[in-house]
Amino acid sequence: MRRLFSAMLFAFLISTAPGAARADLFRLGLAIGEGMSINGGDVSRIPVSLELVPSLGWTWFKFDLGFYITLEDLQAGNVALDKNLTLRPGCRLSPPIIPLYFRFAVPLQVINFDWGILLGVGVDFKLLGPLGIFGEINTQLTKNFGWGSNGVPLDFQAGLRVAF
């Protein structure tokens, strides 16, 4: 009887802990970001980007489909909305209680087709009701850029999210 009571108390505490009670089955995030590419001792800027990420899943695991676009062409020095549309299907693993998550995706560039692997880590804070803010750092290694042999890009993003 004592073990049963202890197990029930433990289950109650875990299920009501902050973060564990997030029943956000659907999540929609919108982020703006900028980054840098590191190649040896050289550091160069990555264009400003915008990403819309709908996610579907549970507290610990979510499936993502990111829509990523760069907002400028650094070589031409102008706005280029049609330059780089990339779909980023993937998933994220977010342990309950702590606001940390890990992201994995396979970026598929639509124009001038390219593909690769995206790895990221981020933090997600709930604000009020379904609203929250998040910050993320990603690296995207792609076939056309030699899988990182031409520099390792780091993309910093921050944005708002809505979870239902």
N, C-alpha and C. Protein backbone atom coordinates (compact mmCIF):
# COMPACT_ATOMS: atom_id res chain seq x y z
N MET A 1 0.82 -1.18 0.00
CA MET A 1 0.00 0.00 0.00
C MET A 1 0.87 1.26 0.00
N ARG A 2 1.95 1.20 0.75
CA ARG A 2 2.85 2.33 0.84
C ARG A 2 3.51 2.61 -0.51
N ARG A 3 3.92 1.53 -1.22
CA ARG A 3 4.54 1.68 -2.54
C ARG A 3 3.55 2.26 -3.54
N LEU A 4 2.31 1.80 -3.48
CA LEU A 4 1.30 2.30 -4.40
C LEU A 4 1.07 3.80 -4.16
N PHE A 5 0.97 4.20 -2.90
CA PHE A 5 0.78 5.61 -2.58
C PHE A 5 1.99 6.43 -3.05
N SER A 6 3.19 5.92 -2.85
CA SER A 6 4.41 6.62 -3.28
C SER A 6 4.44 6.76 -4.80
N ALA A 7 4.06 5.71 -5.51
CA ALA A 7 4.05 5.75 -6.98
C ALA A 7 3.00 6.74 -7.48
N MET A 8 1.83 6.78 -6.84
CA MET A 8 0.80 7.73 -7.24
C MET A 8 1.23 9.16 -6.96
N LEU A 9 1.87 9.40 -5.82
CA LEU A 9 2.36 10.73 -5.48
C LEU A 9 3.44 11.18 -6.48
N PHE A 10 4.34 10.29 -6.83
CA PHE A 10 5.40 10.60 -7.79
C PHE A 10 4.79 10.94 -9.16
N ALA A 11 3.82 10.16 -9.62
CA ALA A 11 3.18 10.41 -10.91
C ALA A 11 2.45 11.75 -10.90
N PHE A 12 1.80 12.08 -9.78
CA PHE A 12 1.10 13.35 -9.66
C PHE A 12 2.09 14.51 -9.73
N LEU A 13 3.21 14.41 -9.01
CA LEU A 13 4.20 15.50 -9.00
C LEU A 13 4.81 15.71 -10.38
N ILE A 14 5.12 14.63 -11.07
CA ILE A 14 5.70 14.73 -12.41
C ILE A 14 4.71 15.34 -13.40
N SER A 15 3.45 14.92 -13.32
CA SER A 15 2.46 15.40 -14.28
C SER A 15 2.04 16.84 -14.05
N THR A 16 2.23 17.37 -12.84
CA THR A 16 1.84 18.74 -12.56
C THR A 16 3.03 19.69 -12.49
N ALA A 17 4.23 19.20 -12.76
CA ALA A 17 5.42 20.05 -12.73
C ALA A 17 5.36 21.07 -13.86
N PRO A 18 5.97 22.25 -13.66
CA PRO A 18 5.99 23.25 -14.74
C PRO A 18 6.64 22.66 -15.98
N GLY A 19 6.04 22.88 -17.12
CA GLY A 19 6.59 22.35 -18.36
C GLY A 19 5.98 21.01 -18.72
N ALA A 20 5.74 20.16 -17.75
CA ALA A 20 5.15 18.85 -18.04
C ALA A 20 3.68 19.00 -18.37
N ALA A 21 3.04 20.04 -17.85
CA ALA A 21 1.62 20.23 -18.09
C ALA A 21 1.34 20.89 -19.44
N ARG A 22 2.40 21.11 -20.24
CA ARG A 22 2.20 21.69 -21.56
C ARG A 22 1.50 20.67 -22.44
N ALA A 23 0.29 20.95 -22.78
CA ALA A 23 -0.45 20.05 -23.65
C ALA A 23 -0.51 20.65 -25.05
N ASP A 24 0.56 21.31 -25.46
CA ASP A 24 0.56 21.97 -26.76
C ASP A 24 0.78 20.97 -27.88
N LEU A 25 -0.33 20.46 -28.39
CA LEU A 25 -0.29 19.49 -29.47
C LEU A 25 0.17 20.15 -30.77
N PHE A 26 -0.29 21.38 -31.02
CA PHE A 26 0.09 22.13 -32.21
C PHE A 26 0.84 23.38 -31.80
N ARG A 27 1.92 23.68 -32.50
CA ARG A 27 2.75 24.85 -32.19
C ARG A 27 3.08 25.54 -33.50
N LEU A 28 3.02 26.86 -33.52
CA LEU A 28 3.37 27.64 -34.70
C LEU A 28 4.37 28.70 -34.27
N GLY A 29 5.55 28.65 -34.85
CA GLY A 29 6.60 29.61 -34.51
C GLY A 29 6.97 30.45 -35.71
N LEU A 30 7.29 31.72 -35.47
CA LEU A 30 7.76 32.64 -36.49
C LEU A 30 9.02 33.29 -35.97
N ALA A 31 10.13 33.12 -36.69
CA ALA A 31 11.42 33.61 -36.21
C ALA A 31 12.11 34.44 -37.27
N ILE A 32 12.88 35.41 -36.81
CA ILE A 32 13.76 36.17 -37.67
C ILE A 32 15.17 35.91 -37.17
N GLY A 33 16.11 35.78 -38.09
CA GLY A 33 17.45 35.44 -37.66
C GLY A 33 18.52 35.98 -38.56
N GLU A 34 19.74 35.88 -38.06
CA GLU A 34 20.93 36.24 -38.82
C GLU A 34 22.04 35.36 -38.30
N GLY A 35 23.07 35.21 -39.06
CA GLY A 35 24.12 34.31 -38.62
C GLY A 35 25.47 34.66 -39.16
N MET A 36 26.38 33.70 -38.99
CA MET A 36 27.74 33.87 -39.46
C MET A 36 28.27 32.52 -39.92
N SER A 37 29.25 32.58 -40.80
CA SER A 37 29.91 31.38 -41.27
C SER A 37 31.36 31.46 -40.83
N ILE A 38 31.83 30.39 -40.20
CA ILE A 38 33.20 30.35 -39.68
C ILE A 38 34.01 29.38 -40.52
N ASN A 39 35.08 29.89 -41.12
CA ASN A 39 35.96 29.07 -41.95
C ASN A 39 37.40 29.38 -41.54
N GLY A 40 37.99 28.50 -40.74
CA GLY A 40 39.33 28.77 -40.21
C GLY A 40 39.27 29.98 -39.30
N GLY A 41 40.01 31.01 -39.63
CA GLY A 41 39.99 32.25 -38.85
C GLY A 41 39.07 33.30 -39.42
N ASP A 42 38.46 33.02 -40.58
CA ASP A 42 37.59 33.99 -41.23
C ASP A 42 36.15 33.82 -40.78
N VAL A 43 35.48 34.95 -40.56
CA VAL A 43 34.07 34.96 -40.18
C VAL A 43 33.34 35.86 -41.17
N SER A 44 32.28 35.34 -41.78
CA SER A 44 31.47 36.15 -42.70
C SER A 44 30.01 36.09 -42.27
N ARG A 45 29.27 37.12 -42.66
CA ARG A 45 27.87 37.25 -42.26
C ARG A 45 26.97 36.42 -43.18
N ILE A 46 25.92 35.83 -42.59
CA ILE A 46 24.88 35.11 -43.32
C ILE A 46 23.68 36.05 -43.42
N PRO A 47 22.95 36.06 -44.55
CA PRO A 47 21.83 36.99 -44.72
C PRO A 47 20.75 36.85 -43.64
N VAL A 48 20.02 37.93 -43.43
CA VAL A 48 18.87 37.93 -42.53
C VAL A 48 17.83 36.97 -43.10
N SER A 49 17.20 36.19 -42.22
CA SER A 49 16.25 35.17 -42.66
C SER A 49 14.97 35.22 -41.85
N LEU A 50 13.95 34.59 -42.40
CA LEU A 50 12.66 34.48 -41.76
C LEU A 50 12.25 33.01 -41.85
N GLU A 51 11.72 32.44 -40.75
CA GLU A 51 11.29 31.05 -40.77
C GLU A 51 9.94 30.91 -40.07
N LEU A 52 9.04 30.21 -40.73
CA LEU A 52 7.74 29.85 -40.17
C LEU A 52 7.77 28.35 -39.93
N VAL A 53 7.51 27.94 -38.68
CA VAL A 53 7.63 26.51 -38.31
C VAL A 53 6.35 26.01 -37.63
N PRO A 54 5.48 25.33 -38.37
CA PRO A 54 4.38 24.62 -37.71
C PRO A 54 4.89 23.28 -37.17
N SER A 55 4.48 22.93 -35.96
CA SER A 55 4.90 21.69 -35.32
C SER A 55 3.67 20.95 -34.80
N LEU A 56 3.76 19.64 -34.80
CA LEU A 56 2.68 18.80 -34.31
C LEU A 56 3.31 17.67 -33.50
N GLY A 57 2.80 17.45 -32.30
CA GLY A 57 3.36 16.37 -31.49
C GLY A 57 2.94 16.45 -30.05
N TRP A 58 3.81 15.92 -29.21
CA TRP A 58 3.55 15.82 -27.78
C TRP A 58 4.56 16.66 -27.02
N THR A 59 4.51 16.60 -25.71
CA THR A 59 5.40 17.40 -24.88
C THR A 59 6.87 17.12 -25.18
N TRP A 60 7.24 15.87 -25.31
CA TRP A 60 8.65 15.51 -25.50
C TRP A 60 9.09 15.54 -26.95
N PHE A 61 8.21 15.23 -27.89
CA PHE A 61 8.61 15.03 -29.28
C PHE A 61 7.63 15.73 -30.21
N LYS A 62 8.16 16.47 -31.17
CA LYS A 62 7.32 17.16 -32.15
C LYS A 62 7.88 16.99 -33.56
N PHE A 63 6.97 16.88 -34.53
CA PHE A 63 7.35 16.90 -35.94
C PHE A 63 7.23 18.33 -36.44
N ASP A 64 8.23 18.80 -37.20
CA ASP A 64 8.27 20.17 -37.72
C ASP A 64 8.21 20.17 -39.24
N LEU A 65 7.74 21.27 -39.79
CA LEU A 65 7.91 21.55 -41.21
C LEU A 65 8.22 23.03 -41.32
N GLY A 66 9.50 23.35 -41.37
CA GLY A 66 9.92 24.74 -41.43
C GLY A 66 9.91 25.27 -42.85
N PHE A 67 9.48 26.52 -43.01
CA PHE A 67 9.55 27.25 -44.27
C PHE A 67 10.53 28.39 -44.04
N TYR A 68 11.72 28.30 -44.64
CA TYR A 68 12.82 29.21 -44.37
C TYR A 68 13.13 30.01 -45.64
N ILE A 69 13.33 31.32 -45.49
CA ILE A 69 13.67 32.16 -46.65
C ILE A 69 14.65 33.24 -46.20
N THR A 70 15.64 33.50 -47.05
CA THR A 70 16.54 34.61 -46.77
C THR A 70 15.90 35.88 -47.31
N LEU A 71 16.12 36.99 -46.61
CA LEU A 71 15.48 38.24 -46.98
C LEU A 71 16.39 39.19 -47.73
N GLU A 72 17.65 38.81 -47.96
CA GLU A 72 18.55 39.69 -48.68
C GLU A 72 19.58 38.88 -49.45
N ASP A 73 20.13 39.50 -50.46
CA ASP A 73 21.22 38.92 -51.24
C ASP A 73 22.47 39.74 -50.93
N LEU A 74 23.39 39.15 -50.19
CA LEU A 74 24.57 39.89 -49.74
C LEU A 74 25.47 40.32 -50.89
N GLN A 75 25.56 39.50 -51.93
CA GLN A 75 26.44 39.83 -53.05
C GLN A 75 25.88 40.98 -53.89
N ALA A 76 24.57 40.99 -54.10
CA ALA A 76 23.96 42.05 -54.89
C ALA A 76 23.61 43.26 -54.03
N GLY A 77 23.53 43.08 -52.72
CA GLY A 77 23.22 44.18 -51.81
C GLY A 77 21.78 44.63 -51.85
N ASN A 78 20.86 43.73 -52.15
CA ASN A 78 19.45 44.11 -52.20
C ASN A 78 18.57 43.03 -51.59
N VAL A 79 17.27 43.33 -51.56
CA VAL A 79 16.30 42.37 -51.04
C VAL A 79 16.05 41.30 -52.10
N ALA A 80 16.05 40.05 -51.68
CA ALA A 80 15.85 38.94 -52.63
C ALA A 80 14.95 37.90 -52.00
N LEU A 81 13.66 38.11 -52.04
CA LEU A 81 12.72 37.18 -51.39
C LEU A 81 12.62 35.84 -52.11
N ASP A 82 12.92 35.81 -53.40
CA ASP A 82 12.79 34.55 -54.14
C ASP A 82 14.12 33.81 -54.26
N LYS A 83 15.15 34.28 -53.59
CA LYS A 83 16.50 33.74 -53.74
C LYS A 83 16.66 32.36 -53.12
N ASN A 84 16.09 32.14 -51.94
CA ASN A 84 16.43 30.93 -51.22
C ASN A 84 15.26 30.46 -50.37
N LEU A 85 14.32 29.76 -50.97
CA LEU A 85 13.23 29.15 -50.21
C LEU A 85 13.65 27.73 -49.87
N THR A 86 13.64 27.41 -48.58
CA THR A 86 14.06 26.09 -48.13
C THR A 86 12.97 25.49 -47.25
N LEU A 87 12.60 24.25 -47.55
CA LEU A 87 11.70 23.50 -46.67
C LEU A 87 12.59 22.74 -45.68
N ARG A 88 12.19 22.72 -44.42
CA ARG A 88 12.97 22.06 -43.38
C ARG A 88 12.13 21.05 -42.60
N PRO A 89 11.80 19.91 -43.20
CA PRO A 89 11.07 18.90 -42.43
C PRO A 89 12.01 18.29 -41.39
N GLY A 90 11.47 18.04 -40.21
CA GLY A 90 12.31 17.47 -39.16
C GLY A 90 11.54 17.22 -37.89
N CYS A 91 12.27 17.19 -36.80
CA CYS A 91 11.66 16.93 -35.50
C CYS A 91 12.43 17.68 -34.42
N ARG A 92 11.80 17.79 -33.26
CA ARG A 92 12.47 18.38 -32.11
C ARG A 92 12.16 17.55 -30.87
N LEU A 93 13.16 17.45 -30.03
CA LEU A 93 13.06 16.72 -28.78
C LEU A 93 13.16 17.74 -27.66
N SER A 94 12.11 17.82 -26.83
CA SER A 94 12.10 18.82 -25.76
C SER A 94 11.72 18.16 -24.44
N PRO A 95 12.70 17.92 -23.59
CA PRO A 95 12.39 17.32 -22.29
C PRO A 95 11.46 18.24 -21.48
N PRO A 96 10.51 17.67 -20.77
CA PRO A 96 9.62 18.51 -19.96
C PRO A 96 10.38 19.16 -18.80
N ILE A 97 9.77 20.13 -18.20
CA ILE A 97 10.24 20.86 -17.03
C ILE A 97 11.28 21.91 -17.41
N ILE A 98 12.27 21.60 -18.24
CA ILE A 98 13.25 22.60 -18.64
C ILE A 98 12.87 23.15 -20.01
N PRO A 99 13.13 24.44 -20.29
CA PRO A 99 12.68 25.04 -21.56
C PRO A 99 13.64 24.80 -22.73
N LEU A 100 14.42 23.75 -22.70
CA LEU A 100 15.42 23.46 -23.72
C LEU A 100 14.88 22.47 -24.74
N TYR A 101 15.27 22.63 -26.02
CA TYR A 101 14.91 21.63 -27.02
C TYR A 101 16.06 21.44 -28.00
N PHE A 102 16.06 20.28 -28.64
CA PHE A 102 17.05 19.92 -29.65
C PHE A 102 16.31 19.72 -30.95
N ARG A 103 16.86 20.24 -32.05
CA ARG A 103 16.18 20.19 -33.34
C ARG A 103 17.05 19.46 -34.37
N PHE A 104 16.39 18.63 -35.17
CA PHE A 104 17.03 17.94 -36.29
C PHE A 104 16.12 18.11 -37.50
N ALA A 105 16.70 18.48 -38.64
CA ALA A 105 15.90 18.66 -39.86
C ALA A 105 16.74 18.31 -41.08
N VAL A 106 16.04 18.09 -42.19
CA VAL A 106 16.67 17.87 -43.48
C VAL A 106 16.25 19.02 -44.38
N PRO A 107 17.10 20.05 -44.50
CA PRO A 107 16.75 21.20 -45.35
C PRO A 107 16.75 20.82 -46.83
N LEU A 108 15.69 21.21 -47.54
CA LEU A 108 15.55 20.95 -48.97
C LEU A 108 15.36 22.29 -49.67
N GLN A 109 16.42 22.80 -50.29
CA GLN A 109 16.35 24.08 -50.97
C GLN A 109 15.58 23.90 -52.26
N VAL A 110 14.57 24.75 -52.51
CA VAL A 110 13.67 24.61 -53.65
C VAL A 110 14.33 25.11 -54.94
N ILE A 111 14.84 26.34 -54.93
CA ILE A 111 15.51 26.91 -56.10
C ILE A 111 16.97 26.50 -56.04
N ASN A 112 17.55 26.06 -57.15
CA ASN A 112 18.92 25.52 -57.17
C ASN A 112 19.03 24.41 -56.14
N PHE A 113 18.31 23.33 -56.36
CA PHE A 113 18.12 22.27 -55.37
C PHE A 113 19.41 21.91 -54.62
N ASP A 114 19.27 21.83 -53.33
CA ASP A 114 20.33 21.39 -52.43
C ASP A 114 19.67 20.74 -51.23
N TRP A 115 20.39 19.90 -50.54
CA TRP A 115 19.87 19.25 -49.34
C TRP A 115 20.99 19.14 -48.34
N GLY A 116 20.62 18.86 -47.09
CA GLY A 116 21.64 18.75 -46.06
C GLY A 116 21.06 18.27 -44.74
N ILE A 117 21.79 18.60 -43.69
CA ILE A 117 21.42 18.23 -42.32
C ILE A 117 21.47 19.49 -41.46
N LEU A 118 20.43 19.70 -40.69
CA LEU A 118 20.37 20.84 -39.78
C LEU A 118 20.34 20.30 -38.36
N LEU A 119 21.20 20.82 -37.52
CA LEU A 119 21.21 20.49 -36.09
C LEU A 119 21.09 21.80 -35.32
N GLY A 120 20.25 21.80 -34.29
CA GLY A 120 20.06 23.02 -33.53
C GLY A 120 19.70 22.76 -32.09
N VAL A 121 19.87 23.79 -31.30
CA VAL A 121 19.47 23.76 -29.90
C VAL A 121 18.81 25.10 -29.59
N GLY A 122 17.77 25.07 -28.78
CA GLY A 122 17.05 26.29 -28.49
C GLY A 122 16.41 26.29 -27.13
N VAL A 123 15.89 27.45 -26.77
CA VAL A 123 15.13 27.61 -25.52
C VAL A 123 13.76 28.17 -25.88
N ASP A 124 12.75 27.77 -25.11
CA ASP A 124 11.37 28.14 -25.37
C ASP A 124 10.72 28.51 -24.04
N PHE A 125 10.27 29.77 -23.93
CA PHE A 125 9.66 30.25 -22.69
C PHE A 125 8.20 30.61 -22.94
N LYS A 126 7.34 30.09 -22.10
CA LYS A 126 5.91 30.41 -22.17
C LYS A 126 5.71 31.78 -21.53
N LEU A 127 4.93 32.64 -22.18
CA LEU A 127 4.66 33.97 -21.64
C LEU A 127 3.28 34.04 -21.00
N LEU A 128 2.28 34.13 -21.84
CA LEU A 128 0.92 34.32 -21.36
C LEU A 128 -0.03 33.49 -22.21
N GLY A 129 -0.78 32.61 -21.58
CA GLY A 129 -1.69 31.75 -22.34
C GLY A 129 -0.92 30.91 -23.34
N PRO A 130 -1.33 30.95 -24.61
CA PRO A 130 -0.64 30.13 -25.62
C PRO A 130 0.61 30.79 -26.20
N LEU A 131 0.89 32.05 -25.82
CA LEU A 131 2.02 32.78 -26.39
C LEU A 131 3.34 32.46 -25.70
N GLY A 132 4.40 32.51 -26.46
CA GLY A 132 5.73 32.29 -25.90
C GLY A 132 6.79 32.90 -26.79
N ILE A 133 8.03 32.89 -26.31
CA ILE A 133 9.17 33.35 -27.09
C ILE A 133 10.20 32.23 -27.13
N PHE A 134 11.01 32.24 -28.17
CA PHE A 134 12.05 31.22 -28.27
C PHE A 134 13.28 31.79 -28.95
N GLY A 135 14.40 31.18 -28.67
CA GLY A 135 15.66 31.50 -29.30
C GLY A 135 16.34 30.21 -29.69
N GLU A 136 17.09 30.23 -30.80
CA GLU A 136 17.64 29.00 -31.33
C GLU A 136 18.95 29.29 -32.05
N ILE A 137 19.88 28.35 -31.99
CA ILE A 137 21.10 28.40 -32.79
C ILE A 137 21.18 27.10 -33.58
N ASN A 138 21.40 27.25 -34.91
CA ASN A 138 21.42 26.11 -35.82
C ASN A 138 22.72 26.08 -36.60
N THR A 139 23.09 24.92 -37.04
CA THR A 139 24.10 24.78 -38.07
C THR A 139 23.51 23.91 -39.16
N GLN A 140 23.73 24.32 -40.40
CA GLN A 140 23.15 23.61 -41.54
C GLN A 140 24.28 23.22 -42.48
N LEU A 141 24.56 21.94 -42.56
CA LEU A 141 25.60 21.43 -43.44
C LEU A 141 24.93 20.88 -44.69
N THR A 142 25.33 21.38 -45.86
CA THR A 142 24.66 20.98 -47.10
C THR A 142 25.64 20.42 -48.12
N LYS A 143 25.09 19.73 -49.10
CA LYS A 143 25.89 19.10 -50.15
C LYS A 143 26.63 20.13 -50.99
N ASN A 144 25.94 21.20 -51.44
CA ASN A 144 26.56 22.21 -52.30
C ASN A 144 27.68 22.97 -51.61
N PHE A 145 27.68 23.04 -50.30
CA PHE A 145 28.73 23.75 -49.57
C PHE A 145 29.74 22.78 -48.95
N GLY A 146 29.83 21.58 -49.50
CA GLY A 146 30.87 20.64 -49.11
C GLY A 146 30.74 20.09 -47.71
N TRP A 147 29.52 20.01 -47.19
CA TRP A 147 29.27 19.43 -45.86
C TRP A 147 30.11 20.07 -44.77
N GLY A 148 30.35 21.38 -44.89
CA GLY A 148 31.09 22.10 -43.86
C GLY A 148 32.54 22.35 -44.19
N SER A 149 33.04 21.81 -45.31
CA SER A 149 34.45 22.03 -45.66
C SER A 149 34.70 23.47 -46.11
N ASN A 150 33.65 24.18 -46.54
CA ASN A 150 33.77 25.59 -46.93
C ASN A 150 33.35 26.53 -45.83
N GLY A 151 33.32 26.06 -44.60
CA GLY A 151 32.91 26.88 -43.47
C GLY A 151 31.70 26.30 -42.78
N VAL A 152 31.60 26.55 -41.50
CA VAL A 152 30.47 26.06 -40.71
C VAL A 152 29.54 27.23 -40.43
N PRO A 153 28.32 27.20 -41.01
CA PRO A 153 27.39 28.30 -40.76
C PRO A 153 26.68 28.14 -39.42
N LEU A 154 26.57 29.24 -38.70
CA LEU A 154 25.80 29.28 -37.45
C LEU A 154 24.70 30.31 -37.65
N ASP A 155 23.46 29.90 -37.44
CA ASP A 155 22.30 30.76 -37.66
C ASP A 155 21.63 30.99 -36.31
N PHE A 156 21.50 32.26 -35.92
CA PHE A 156 20.86 32.63 -34.66
C PHE A 156 19.47 33.14 -34.98
N GLN A 157 18.45 32.58 -34.32
CA GLN A 157 17.07 32.98 -34.56
C GLN A 157 16.38 33.27 -33.24
N ALA A 158 15.44 34.19 -33.29
CA ALA A 158 14.58 34.47 -32.14
C ALA A 158 13.19 34.78 -32.67
N GLY A 159 12.17 34.44 -31.89
CA GLY A 159 10.84 34.71 -32.40
C GLY A 159 9.75 34.45 -31.39
N LEU A 160 8.53 34.54 -31.91
CA LEU A 160 7.31 34.31 -31.13
C LEU A 160 6.70 32.99 -31.54
N ARG A 161 5.99 32.34 -30.63
CA ARG A 161 5.28 31.11 -30.95
C ARG A 161 3.93 31.10 -30.26
N VAL A 162 3.03 30.35 -30.87
CA VAL A 162 1.70 30.13 -30.34
C VAL A 162 1.54 28.61 -30.23
N ALA A 163 1.08 28.13 -29.08
CA ALA A 163 0.90 26.69 -28.87
C ALA A 163 -0.53 26.41 -28.43
N PHE A 164 -1.11 25.39 -29.02
CA PHE A 164 -2.49 25.00 -28.68
C PHE A 164 -2.51 23.58 -28.15
